[in-house]
Amino acid sequence: QGQLVESGGGLVQGGDSLRLSCAYSGRVFSSLSMAWFRQAPGKEREFVAGISRNSGVNTLYKDSVKGRFTISRDNAKNTVGLQMNSLEPEDTAVYYCAARYSSTWGVSPHDNYDYWGQGTQVTVSS
């Protein structure tokens, strides 16, 4: 059984940067594809970014965050990060880290993940 713990959320102004981090405890982190989702008040949870297993050769981003957000992984530390630049008020949400056992090099934008973190709040003021 794996566990995920997010950190790094907070209150920032529009245009600022923020880095989220997610620590995984469990076995074989490198075999997991990882992703970040978010849920804004009154809205459904949505995919933000994902990275494939092992070396993370493949990444996938929601269109609205392309060029602003970067997902990365550190298999030695069992962590995945989300660097968020040029933040906008529309990025305000609870951000969730997710992990999925994967036998392929793909990244799933759907919520069919095996483990979820508790979420961290990101608030961007205008």
Protein backbone atom coordinates (compact mmCIF):
# COMPACT_ATOMS: atom_id res chain seq x y z
CA GLN A 1 0.00 0.00 0.00
CA GLY A 2 1.43 3.37 -1.00
CA GLN A 3 0.94 6.74 0.56
CA LEU A 4 1.33 10.20 -0.92
CA VAL A 5 1.86 13.45 0.97
CA GLU A 6 1.78 16.81 -0.78
CA SER A 7 3.43 20.00 0.37
CA GLY A 8 4.21 23.46 -0.93
CA GLY A 9 0.81 25.01 -1.36
CA GLY A 10 0.02 28.55 -0.26
CA LEU A 11 -1.30 31.99 -1.10
CA VAL A 12 0.47 33.90 -3.86
CA GLN A 13 -0.24 36.79 -6.18
CA GLY A 14 -0.91 36.52 -9.88
CA GLY A 15 2.33 36.13 -11.83
CA ASP A 16 4.17 34.51 -8.93
CA SER A 17 5.67 31.03 -8.84
CA LEU A 18 5.09 28.11 -6.51
CA ARG A 19 6.52 24.62 -6.31
CA LEU A 20 4.51 21.67 -5.08
CA SER A 21 6.14 18.48 -3.91
CA CYS A 22 4.73 15.02 -3.32
CA ALA A 23 6.48 12.35 -1.28
CA TYR A 24 5.67 8.69 -1.87
CA SER A 25 6.11 5.98 0.72
CA GLY A 26 5.84 2.42 -0.48
CA ARG A 27 7.49 0.05 -2.87
CA VAL A 28 8.89 0.51 -6.35
CA PHE A 29 8.26 4.20 -6.89
CA SER A 30 10.01 4.02 -10.23
CA SER A 31 7.30 1.72 -11.62
CA LEU A 32 4.60 4.30 -10.93
CA SER A 33 3.41 6.92 -13.33
CA MET A 34 2.67 10.10 -11.40
CA ALA A 35 0.28 12.96 -11.90
CA TRP A 36 -1.13 16.14 -10.44
CA PHE A 37 -4.84 16.88 -10.45
CA ARG A 38 -6.70 19.86 -9.08
CA GLN A 39 -10.20 20.71 -7.96
CA ALA A 40 -11.54 24.23 -7.77
CA PRO A 41 -14.62 25.08 -5.67
CA GLY A 42 -17.77 23.94 -7.39
CA LYS A 43 -15.88 22.19 -10.17
CA GLU A 44 -14.89 18.64 -10.94
CA ARG A 45 -11.39 17.39 -10.35
CA GLU A 46 -9.23 17.79 -13.45
CA PHE A 47 -5.91 16.52 -14.72
CA VAL A 48 -3.08 19.05 -14.64
CA ALA A 49 0.15 17.21 -15.46
CA GLY A 50 1.57 13.71 -15.53
CA ILE A 51 4.89 11.96 -15.92
CA SER A 52 5.64 8.41 -17.00
CA ARG A 53 7.31 5.71 -14.94
CA ASN A 54 11.03 5.17 -14.53
CA SER A 55 12.96 8.03 -16.12
CA GLY A 56 9.87 10.10 -16.81
CA VAL A 57 10.59 10.26 -20.51
CA ASN A 58 6.99 11.19 -21.27
CA THR A 59 5.02 14.06 -19.82
CA LEU A 60 1.50 15.32 -20.44
CA TYR A 61 -0.06 18.67 -19.55
CA LYS A 62 -3.45 20.30 -19.51
CA ASP A 63 -3.49 22.82 -22.33
CA SER A 64 -3.97 25.83 -20.08
CA VAL A 65 -0.81 25.09 -18.05
CA LYS A 66 1.53 24.23 -20.92
CA GLY A 67 4.59 26.45 -20.86
CA ARG A 68 3.86 27.54 -17.28
CA PHE A 69 3.94 24.29 -15.27
CA THR A 70 6.64 21.64 -15.24
CA ILE A 71 6.34 18.20 -13.68
CA SER A 72 9.44 16.27 -12.63
CA ARG A 73 10.34 13.20 -10.61
CA ASP A 74 13.26 12.13 -8.43
CA ASN A 75 13.31 8.36 -8.10
CA ALA A 76 16.16 8.47 -5.57
CA LYS A 77 13.98 10.53 -3.22
CA ASN A 78 10.60 9.03 -4.17
CA THR A 79 9.22 12.45 -4.95
CA VAL A 80 7.41 14.22 -7.75
CA GLY A 81 7.33 17.97 -8.12
CA LEU A 82 5.20 20.52 -9.92
CA GLN A 83 6.86 23.83 -10.68
CA MET A 84 4.18 26.42 -11.34
CA ASN A 85 5.18 29.73 -12.91
CA SER A 86 3.13 32.73 -14.03
CA LEU A 87 0.27 31.68 -11.79
CA GLU A 88 -3.20 32.96 -12.58
CA PRO A 89 -6.28 33.28 -10.35
CA GLU A 90 -7.82 30.49 -12.44
CA ASP A 91 -5.15 28.15 -11.04
CA THR A 92 -6.69 28.44 -7.58
CA ALA A 93 -7.64 24.96 -6.43
CA VAL A 94 -6.77 22.07 -4.17
CA TYR A 95 -3.95 20.17 -5.86
CA TYR A 96 -3.74 16.41 -5.52
CA CYS A 97 -0.84 14.09 -6.23
CA ALA A 98 -1.70 10.70 -7.71
CA ALA A 99 0.19 7.50 -8.50
CA ARG A 100 -0.62 4.65 -10.84
CA TYR A 101 1.07 1.33 -11.46
CA SER A 102 1.93 1.28 -15.12
CA SER A 103 3.40 -1.30 -17.46
CA THR A 104 3.72 1.21 -20.27
CA TRP A 105 5.49 4.49 -20.87
CA GLY A 106 2.24 6.40 -21.18
CA VAL A 107 0.57 8.95 -18.93
CA SER A 108 -3.14 8.75 -18.15
CA PRO A 109 -5.11 12.02 -17.96
CA HIS A 110 -8.03 10.18 -16.39
CA ASP A 111 -8.56 9.66 -12.67
CA ASN A 112 -7.85 5.92 -12.80
CA TYR A 113 -4.98 6.22 -10.35
CA ASP A 114 -4.23 3.81 -7.54
CA TYR A 115 -3.11 6.21 -4.81
CA TRP A 116 -4.08 9.77 -3.97
CA GLY A 117 -2.69 12.36 -1.60
CA GLN A 118 -4.78 14.46 0.76
CA GLY A 119 -4.36 17.62 -1.30
CA THR A 120 -2.73 21.00 -0.81
CA GLN A 121 -4.42 24.37 -1.30
CA VAL A 122 -3.10 26.81 -3.87
CA THR A 123 -4.69 30.25 -3.89
CA VAL A 124 -3.73 32.88 -6.45
CA SER A 125 -4.93 36.41 -5.86
CA SER A 126 -5.44 38.92 -8.67
